[in-house]
Protein backbone atom coordinates (compact mmCIF):
# COMPACT_ATOMS: atom_id res chain seq x y z
CA MET A 1 -0.34 0.15 -0.18
CA ALA A 2 1.92 3.68 -0.99
CA LEU A 3 1.52 6.61 1.09
CA LEU A 4 -0.55 9.00 0.50
CA ARG A 5 0.91 12.14 -1.62
CA ARG A 6 -0.85 14.99 0.70
CA LEU A 7 2.34 17.50 1.31
CA THR A 8 2.23 20.64 -0.88
CA LEU A 9 4.98 22.74 -1.88
CA PRO A 10 4.99 25.02 1.53
CA ASP A 11 4.75 21.46 3.10
CA ALA A 12 8.20 20.77 2.59
CA ILE A 13 9.65 23.67 3.08
CA ALA A 14 8.11 23.88 6.57
CA ILE A 15 9.19 19.72 6.94
CA GLY A 16 13.02 21.29 5.63
CA LEU A 17 12.91 24.51 7.88
CA GLY A 18 12.07 22.29 10.87
CA SER A 19 14.55 19.59 9.90
CA MET A 20 17.27 22.37 10.04
CA ILE A 21 16.89 25.48 12.33
CA GLY A 22 17.22 23.36 15.45
CA ALA A 23 20.07 23.05 18.61
CA GLY A 24 23.31 23.11 15.53
CA VAL A 25 22.26 26.94 15.84
CA PHE A 26 22.74 27.44 19.15
CA THR A 27 26.23 25.64 19.69
CA VAL A 28 28.58 25.71 16.47
CA TRP A 29 29.29 29.68 16.30
CA GLY A 30 31.93 29.26 18.87
CA PRO A 31 33.69 26.78 17.48
CA ALA A 32 33.72 27.94 13.64
CA LEU A 33 34.44 31.42 14.89
CA SER A 34 37.53 30.24 16.63
CA ALA A 35 38.71 28.37 13.15
CA ALA A 36 37.36 31.39 10.45
CA GLY A 37 37.59 34.10 12.11
CA PRO A 38 36.60 37.00 10.11
CA TRP A 39 35.52 34.54 7.90
CA LEU A 40 33.06 32.95 9.38
CA LEU A 41 30.07 33.81 6.46
CA VAL A 42 32.52 32.39 3.73
CA ALA A 43 32.27 28.66 5.77
CA LEU A 44 28.53 29.05 6.47
CA VAL A 45 27.93 29.56 2.27
CA ALA A 46 30.81 26.76 1.27
CA ALA A 47 29.13 24.51 3.46
CA GLY A 48 25.52 25.20 2.68
CA ILE A 49 26.69 24.64 -1.22
CA VAL A 50 27.72 21.06 -0.18
CA ALA A 51 24.80 20.56 2.15
CA PHE A 52 22.64 21.37 -1.36
CA CYS A 53 24.63 18.69 -2.92
CA ASN A 54 24.47 15.94 -0.57
CA ALA A 55 19.98 17.12 -0.35
CA THR A 56 20.24 16.69 -4.51
CA SER A 57 22.17 13.43 -4.47
CA SER A 58 19.62 11.76 -1.86
CA ALA A 59 16.70 13.13 -3.79
CA GLN A 60 17.98 11.15 -6.91
CA LEU A 61 18.49 8.28 -5.05
CA ALA A 62 15.24 8.07 -2.84
CA ALA A 63 12.86 8.57 -6.38
CA VAL A 64 14.33 5.30 -7.50
CA HIS A 65 14.85 2.91 -3.79
CA PRO A 66 11.84 4.27 -1.50
CA VAL A 67 12.93 2.36 1.62
CA SER A 68 14.29 3.21 4.78
CA GLY A 69 18.17 3.35 5.93
CA GLY A 70 18.55 6.06 3.53
CA THR A 71 22.14 5.51 2.19
CA TYR A 72 23.43 2.99 4.35
CA ALA A 73 20.73 1.08 1.37
CA TYR A 74 20.95 2.73 -1.19
CA GLY A 75 25.02 2.43 -0.96
CA ARG A 76 24.15 -0.93 -0.95
CA ALA A 77 21.43 -1.12 -4.24
CA GLU A 78 23.86 1.56 -6.92
CA LEU A 79 27.95 0.32 -5.77
CA GLY A 80 27.59 -3.19 -2.76
CA PRO A 81 27.50 -4.55 -0.21
CA TRP A 82 30.91 -2.85 1.39
CA TRP A 83 29.77 0.69 0.68
CA GLY A 84 26.11 0.52 2.15
CA PHE A 85 28.52 -0.64 4.89
CA LEU A 86 30.12 2.58 4.85
CA ALA A 87 27.75 5.03 4.39
CA GLY A 88 25.49 2.99 7.59
CA TRP A 89 28.28 2.60 10.27
CA CYS A 90 29.52 6.68 9.18
CA PHE A 91 26.30 7.57 9.88
CA VAL A 92 25.48 6.02 13.29
CA ILE A 93 28.53 6.59 14.77
CA GLY A 94 28.54 10.89 13.05
CA LYS A 95 24.56 10.43 14.60
CA LEU A 96 25.53 9.14 18.52
CA ALA A 97 27.94 12.11 18.57
CA SER A 98 25.42 14.44 17.33
CA CYS A 99 23.38 13.06 20.08
CA ALA A 100 26.20 13.75 22.28
CA ALA A 101 26.80 17.03 21.55
CA MET A 102 22.77 17.61 21.96
CA ALA A 103 22.94 16.68 25.30
CA MET A 104 25.56 18.73 26.07
CA THR A 105 23.65 21.82 24.49
CA VAL A 106 20.82 20.87 26.97
CA ALA A 107 23.20 21.38 29.61
CA ALA A 108 25.12 24.07 28.57
CA TYR A 109 21.96 25.85 28.23
CA LEU A 110 20.29 24.86 31.47
CA ALA A 111 22.88 24.61 34.33
CA PRO A 112 26.12 25.74 35.20
CA ALA A 113 29.13 24.26 34.41
CA PRO A 114 29.96 22.18 37.44
CA TRP A 115 26.07 20.11 36.95
CA GLN A 116 26.84 19.94 33.24
CA LYS A 117 27.78 16.54 32.38
CA PRO A 118 24.90 15.37 35.31
CA LEU A 119 22.41 16.88 33.41
CA ALA A 120 23.13 15.82 29.82
CA VAL A 121 23.92 12.05 31.21
CA ALA A 122 20.33 12.43 32.95
CA VAL A 123 18.68 14.14 29.51
CA VAL A 124 20.03 11.13 27.60
CA VAL A 125 18.91 8.41 29.95
CA ILE A 126 15.26 9.15 30.44
CA LEU A 127 15.26 10.08 26.25
CA THR A 128 16.79 6.80 25.94
CA VAL A 129 13.93 5.48 27.70
CA VAL A 130 11.22 7.24 26.24
CA THR A 131 11.97 6.12 22.78
CA CYS A 132 12.16 2.28 24.02
CA VAL A 133 8.39 2.63 24.64
CA GLY A 134 7.57 4.04 21.36
CA VAL A 135 7.07 8.12 21.63
CA THR A 136 8.71 9.55 18.35
CA ARG A 137 7.83 13.10 18.01
CA THR A 138 4.49 13.32 15.59
CA ALA A 139 4.11 16.66 12.88
CA ARG A 140 2.50 18.62 15.37
CA VAL A 141 4.96 18.64 18.20
CA THR A 142 8.02 19.54 15.57
CA GLN A 143 5.89 22.23 14.22
CA VAL A 144 5.91 23.55 18.02
CA LEU A 145 9.57 22.84 18.40
CA VAL A 146 9.88 24.23 15.06
CA ALA A 147 8.24 28.18 17.13
CA VAL A 148 10.04 27.92 19.81
CA THR A 149 13.18 28.12 18.37
CA LEU A 150 12.05 30.69 15.99
CA LEU A 151 10.89 32.47 19.30
CA GLY A 152 14.73 32.34 20.45
CA LEU A 153 16.75 33.22 17.49
CA VAL A 154 14.51 36.79 17.21
CA VAL A 155 14.92 37.01 20.60
CA VAL A 156 18.60 36.81 20.19
CA LEU A 157 18.39 39.14 16.54
CA ALA A 158 16.55 41.92 19.37
CA ALA A 159 19.33 41.60 21.86
CA ALA A 160 22.05 41.93 19.04
CA GLY A 161 20.13 45.09 17.55
CA THR A 162 20.13 46.68 20.83
CA SER A 163 23.69 46.28 22.27
CA ALA A 164 26.10 46.14 18.88
CA SER A 165 26.53 49.95 19.24
CA SER A 166 26.77 50.35 22.79
CA THR A 167 29.10 47.45 22.89
CA ALA A 168 32.58 47.21 21.84
CA PRO A 169 32.96 43.32 20.36
CA ALA A 170 36.77 41.02 21.53
CA PRO A 171 38.98 41.23 18.53
CA LEU A 172 37.92 38.08 16.58
CA PRO A 173 40.29 35.60 15.80
CA ALA A 174 43.38 35.72 12.46
CA GLY A 175 40.93 33.56 9.53
CA SER A 176 42.73 31.32 6.88
CA ALA A 177 42.07 29.11 3.87
CA TYR A 178 42.33 26.44 6.18
CA GLY A 179 40.38 27.33 9.06
CA VAL A 180 37.05 28.69 6.87
CA LEU A 181 37.17 24.57 5.25
CA GLN A 182 37.46 23.95 8.80
CA ALA A 183 34.93 26.31 10.35
CA ALA A 184 32.53 25.16 7.10
CA GLY A 185 33.05 21.42 7.89
CA LEU A 186 32.15 22.61 11.59
CA LEU A 187 29.53 24.72 10.53
CA PHE A 188 28.00 21.50 8.33
CA PHE A 189 26.91 19.92 11.51
CA ALA A 190 24.19 23.17 11.80
CA PHE A 191 22.38 21.63 8.88
CA ALA A 192 22.02 18.14 10.44
CA GLY A 193 18.09 16.91 9.04
CA TYR A 194 18.21 18.93 5.64
CA ALA A 195 17.92 15.70 4.22
CA ARG A 196 14.16 15.00 5.13
CA ILE A 197 13.41 16.43 2.83
CA ALA A 198 14.69 13.57 -0.37
CA THR A 199 13.23 11.08 1.27
CA MET A 200 9.38 11.95 1.46
CA GLY A 201 8.98 11.24 -2.60
CA GLU A 202 6.37 8.95 -1.83
CA GLU A 203 4.02 11.52 0.22
CA VAL A 204 4.84 14.65 -2.09
CA ARG A 205 2.94 15.60 -4.89
CA ASP A 206 4.28 15.75 -7.68
CA PRO A 207 7.76 14.94 -6.60
CA SER A 208 9.95 15.13 -9.45
CA ARG A 209 9.13 19.02 -9.37
CA THR A 210 8.43 19.86 -5.32
CA ILE A 211 10.65 18.09 -3.70
CA PRO A 212 14.07 19.85 -5.90
CA ARG A 213 12.26 23.71 -5.27
CA ALA A 214 11.54 22.57 -1.67
CA ILE A 215 15.05 21.77 -0.84
CA GLY A 216 16.97 24.40 -3.08
CA ILE A 217 13.84 26.63 -1.15
CA ALA A 218 14.00 25.51 1.92
CA LEU A 219 18.58 25.69 2.33
CA ALA A 220 17.89 29.55 0.88
CA CYS A 221 15.79 30.06 3.78
CA THR A 222 17.75 28.12 6.54
CA LEU A 223 21.53 30.10 4.91
CA ILE A 224 19.97 33.33 5.34
CA VAL A 225 18.75 32.55 9.13
CA TYR A 226 21.57 31.78 10.27
CA ALA A 227 23.60 34.28 8.21
CA LEU A 228 22.42 36.76 10.40
CA ILE A 229 22.88 34.56 13.90
CA GLY A 230 25.85 34.54 12.55
CA GLY A 231 26.11 38.29 11.95
CA ALA A 232 24.54 39.02 15.36
CA VAL A 233 27.40 36.52 17.42
CA VAL A 234 30.07 38.31 15.18
CA LEU A 235 29.17 42.10 15.71
CA THR A 236 27.98 42.04 19.58
CA LEU A 237 30.55 39.68 21.02
CA GLY A 238 33.08 39.53 18.58
CA GLY A 239 36.15 36.66 19.53
CA ALA A 240 34.53 36.67 23.01
CA ALA A 241 32.36 34.10 21.70
CA ALA A 242 34.89 31.68 20.11
CA GLY A 243 35.48 29.21 23.66
CA SER A 244 31.03 29.74 24.10
CA SER A 245 29.65 26.78 24.67
CA ALA A 246 26.04 28.77 24.74
CA PRO A 247 26.95 31.99 22.20
CA LEU A 248 23.42 32.82 22.31
CA ILE A 249 22.98 33.27 26.04
CA ASP A 250 25.97 35.64 25.64
CA VAL A 251 24.55 38.36 22.72
CA VAL A 252 21.60 38.43 24.84
CA GLU A 253 23.26 38.92 28.38
CA VAL A 254 25.27 42.13 26.64
CA SER A 255 22.14 43.64 25.80
CA ARG A 256 19.84 45.77 26.85
CA TRP A 257 17.53 42.24 26.98
CA ALA A 258 19.31 40.92 28.87
CA PRO A 259 15.85 39.42 30.72
CA VAL A 260 14.81 37.18 28.64
CA ALA A 261 17.92 35.61 28.42
CA PRO A 262 15.14 32.56 30.03
CA ALA A 263 13.40 32.47 27.45
CA VAL A 264 16.55 32.10 24.63
CA ARG A 265 17.94 29.24 27.16
CA ILE A 266 14.50 27.37 27.55
CA ALA A 267 14.07 27.10 23.03
CA ALA A 268 17.45 26.13 22.82
CA ALA A 269 16.55 23.13 25.27
CA THR A 270 13.90 22.56 23.78
CA ALA A 271 15.44 22.38 19.96
CA ALA A 272 18.40 20.58 21.73
CA THR A 273 16.38 18.21 22.87
CA GLY A 274 13.33 17.36 20.65
CA ALA A 275 16.55 16.41 17.87
CA LEU A 276 18.13 14.53 21.01
CA LEU A 277 14.63 12.70 20.81
CA ALA A 278 14.30 12.23 16.71
CA LEU A 279 17.81 11.44 16.63
CA LEU A 280 17.87 8.40 19.02
CA SER A 281 14.99 6.55 16.97
CA GLY A 282 16.63 7.43 13.49
CA ILE A 283 20.06 6.10 14.73
CA GLY A 284 18.02 2.47 16.65
CA ARG A 285 16.49 2.23 12.83
CA THR A 286 19.51 2.03 10.98
CA SER A 287 20.91 0.00 13.20
CA LEU A 288 18.17 -2.83 13.12
CA ALA A 289 18.54 -2.47 9.83
CA MET A 290 21.89 -2.85 9.60
CA ALA A 291 21.65 -6.07 12.59
CA ARG A 292 18.92 -7.45 9.64
CA GLU A 293 21.70 -7.48 6.88
CA ARG A 294 24.46 -8.55 10.22
CA ASP A 295 26.36 -5.54 9.79
CA LEU A 296 26.12 -5.11 12.86
CA PRO A 297 25.46 -7.66 15.98
CA PRO A 298 22.45 -9.62 15.55
CA ALA A 299 21.05 -9.18 18.73
CA LEU A 300 20.43 -5.56 17.92
CA ALA A 301 18.02 -6.40 15.57
CA THR A 302 15.26 -7.96 18.08
CA ILE A 303 11.95 -5.97 18.47
CA ASP A 304 10.43 -5.85 21.41
CA PRO A 305 6.90 -7.05 20.79
CA ARG A 306 5.12 -5.06 23.72
CA HIS A 307 6.40 -1.73 21.89
CA GLY A 308 7.35 -2.68 18.75
CA VAL A 309 11.22 -0.57 18.91
CA PRO A 310 14.27 -2.08 18.29
CA ARG A 311 15.14 -2.50 22.36
CA ARG A 312 18.26 -3.46 22.15
CA ALA A 313 19.27 -1.31 19.42
CA GLN A 314 17.81 1.65 21.91
CA LEU A 315 19.60 1.08 25.03
CA THR A 316 22.89 -0.14 23.22
CA ALA A 317 23.25 3.88 21.22
CA GLY A 318 21.84 5.39 24.53
CA ALA A 319 24.38 3.78 26.75
CA VAL A 320 27.15 4.98 23.98
CA VAL A 321 25.79 8.17 23.36
CA VAL A 322 26.44 8.61 27.70
CA ALA A 323 30.08 7.33 27.51
CA VAL A 324 30.72 10.04 24.63
CA VAL A 325 29.32 13.22 26.81
CA LEU A 326 31.55 11.51 30.52
CA VAL A 327 34.71 11.50 27.42
CA ALA A 328 34.40 14.32 24.86
CA ASP A 329 33.57 18.21 24.99
CA LEU A 330 30.83 20.31 22.90
CA ARG A 331 33.30 20.90 20.24
CA GLY A 332 35.13 16.82 20.27
CA ALA A 333 30.94 15.62 19.71
CA ILE A 334 30.33 18.15 17.24
CA GLY A 335 33.57 17.89 14.60
CA PHE A 336 33.32 13.68 15.29
CA SER A 337 29.62 14.17 14.51
CA SER A 338 30.51 16.27 10.87
CA PHE A 339 33.39 13.87 9.68
CA GLY A 340 31.33 10.85 10.27
CA VAL A 341 27.81 12.42 8.63
CA LEU A 342 30.10 14.07 5.57
CA LEU A 343 31.37 10.50 4.91
CA TYR A 344 28.27 9.08 5.07
CA TYR A 345 27.19 11.79 2.70
CA PHE A 346 29.82 11.35 0.11
CA VAL A 347 29.25 7.72 -0.23
CA ALA A 348 25.48 9.75 -1.73
CA ASN A 349 27.13 11.55 -3.81
CA VAL A 350 28.91 8.37 -5.16
CA SER A 351 26.04 6.47 -5.17
CA ALA A 352 23.83 9.29 -7.64
CA PHE A 353 26.91 9.58 -9.39
CA VAL A 354 26.53 5.74 -10.69
CA GLN A 355 22.60 5.54 -11.36
CA LYS A 356 21.73 4.82 -14.50
CA ARG A 357 20.49 7.90 -17.20
CA SER A 358 17.07 7.32 -16.96
CA ALA A 359 17.10 7.93 -13.10
CA ARG A 360 19.33 11.12 -13.13
CA ARG A 361 17.37 14.40 -11.80
CA TYR A 362 20.44 16.45 -11.72
CA PRO A 363 23.53 17.60 -13.48
CA LYS A 364 26.71 14.88 -12.20
CA PRO A 365 28.88 17.83 -11.24
CA LEU A 366 26.28 18.48 -8.70
CA GLN A 367 27.67 15.16 -7.37
CA VAL A 368 31.79 15.68 -7.74
CA LEU A 369 31.04 18.82 -6.32
CA GLY A 370 29.46 17.88 -3.50
CA GLY A 371 31.38 14.75 -3.14
CA LEU A 372 34.62 16.58 -3.40
CA GLY A 373 33.12 19.27 -0.77
CA CYS A 374 32.53 16.77 1.74
CA VAL A 375 36.36 14.52 1.53
CA VAL A 376 37.33 18.29 2.14
CA LEU A 377 35.57 19.45 5.03
CA ALA A 378 35.96 15.98 6.67
CA ALA A 379 39.62 16.27 6.38
CA SER A 380 39.88 20.38 7.56
CA LEU A 381 37.78 18.89 10.75
CA PRO A 382 40.44 19.46 13.72
CA LEU A 383 43.14 17.29 14.49
CA PRO A 384 41.31 14.64 16.95
CA ALA A 385 37.93 14.39 15.45
CA VAL A 386 40.28 13.56 11.93
CA LEU A 387 41.90 11.07 13.44
CA SER A 388 39.22 9.76 16.51
CA GLY A 389 36.96 9.70 13.34
CA THR A 390 39.32 7.62 11.11
CA VAL A 391 40.32 5.26 13.42
CA VAL A 392 36.55 4.48 14.73
CA VAL A 393 35.57 3.83 10.85
CA LEU A 394 38.83 1.74 10.20
CA ALA A 395 37.95 -0.77 13.96
CA GLY A 396 34.37 -1.07 12.07
CA VAL A 397 35.90 -1.88 8.70
CA ALA A 398 37.72 -3.99 10.26
CA LEU A 399 35.39 -5.97 12.19
CA ARG A 400 33.10 -6.51 8.88
CA ALA A 401 36.40 -7.99 7.83
CA ILE A 402 36.61 -10.31 9.98
CA ARG A 403 32.92 -11.27 10.36
CA LEU A 404 32.63 -11.99 6.80
CA ALA A 405 35.69 -13.84 6.78
CA ARG A 406 34.10 -15.83 9.78
CA ASP A 407 30.77 -16.64 8.04
CA ARG A 408 32.95 -17.43 4.52
CA PRO A 409 32.28 -21.48 3.89
CA ARG A 410 35.82 -23.34 4.46
CA PRO A 411 36.77 -25.31 1.20
CA GLY A 412 35.10 -28.62 1.51
CA THR A 413 32.67 -27.96 3.60
CA ARG A 414 29.08 -28.32 2.39
CA THR A 415 26.91 -25.83 1.80
CA ASP A 416 23.25 -27.37 0.57
């Protein structure tokens, strides 16, 4: 039975905005500013261009492969099992780090420094339990979260307007070409969720026309919002934002709007909590798909008969996120997340590039630009993120190779 084609162009744009304008906009400016300095907005545009290329590749693939699993499924279908595994593994490890970053964001905006780790752990534990009983974000909840987030951002912009003329911002860090690329890789974290539009091919009216338009419009609107917020941070705080884990609160507190800072804290915590819940649920489903193919331990493929959710996969994801929260900081989590997700979309671009002409909706240069952009930005991330990400990716590859070697029939063994 096919899904109903109910979604119009405005619906698709709204869903795309809801997927992108979230918790990342409250956290990523400090690390990105310390890398790019005065070229922060150039880095933002570069991240947006790579995001657009990735989204078009995902849209082209989703139109041919309307199945769950995202690029894990697309890579297996178009390139083979190893490519699919690479995409799925990078997605899981990248999004686990995203979950840790979201939990840290909640804590950074709600609690003083000594209490941030315990609060972040508590948030992860509570939401992991929620995912185990089958409660996920509905469309109405998504709309509420977006409204609260946008309200908080409006407050930040209004506060910046009252403080820029009376407060001298600190000098900006020196920028460089490498710093711009590194900042673009970090800012890519803030675009997480943009490919959500691409997976709605079965629910959108006239998808061949609606999806490309929705992707372009939603990304353009998000880029404008991010440019306004980034400009507000630079003009108000300058280099002082580089070391902040909650820069938008700092913008409000140095202005005449300081009494409404709690509203921004609530908006940031709400956005991060909603993103964390959605991410945990998505990781569980991708882990389920990989476990069914034995690319992850088969035990993770167990479905809870009462609630109909992959409970073991959800509990495992929650435990890993708690561990990351305890050992990493916010900058490290963002960098590691971007590394994994950029490699995930590299596979998406390669998969779209090799599709037959009959499936092609976008020109091949977009996939080339997207693939190269993913590799360059991933390699330009902070060295600890690149090294740790590379080690974890190679560890996953090695474990799969060992499993395949173990499962391979020995010479002379009957397989009938």
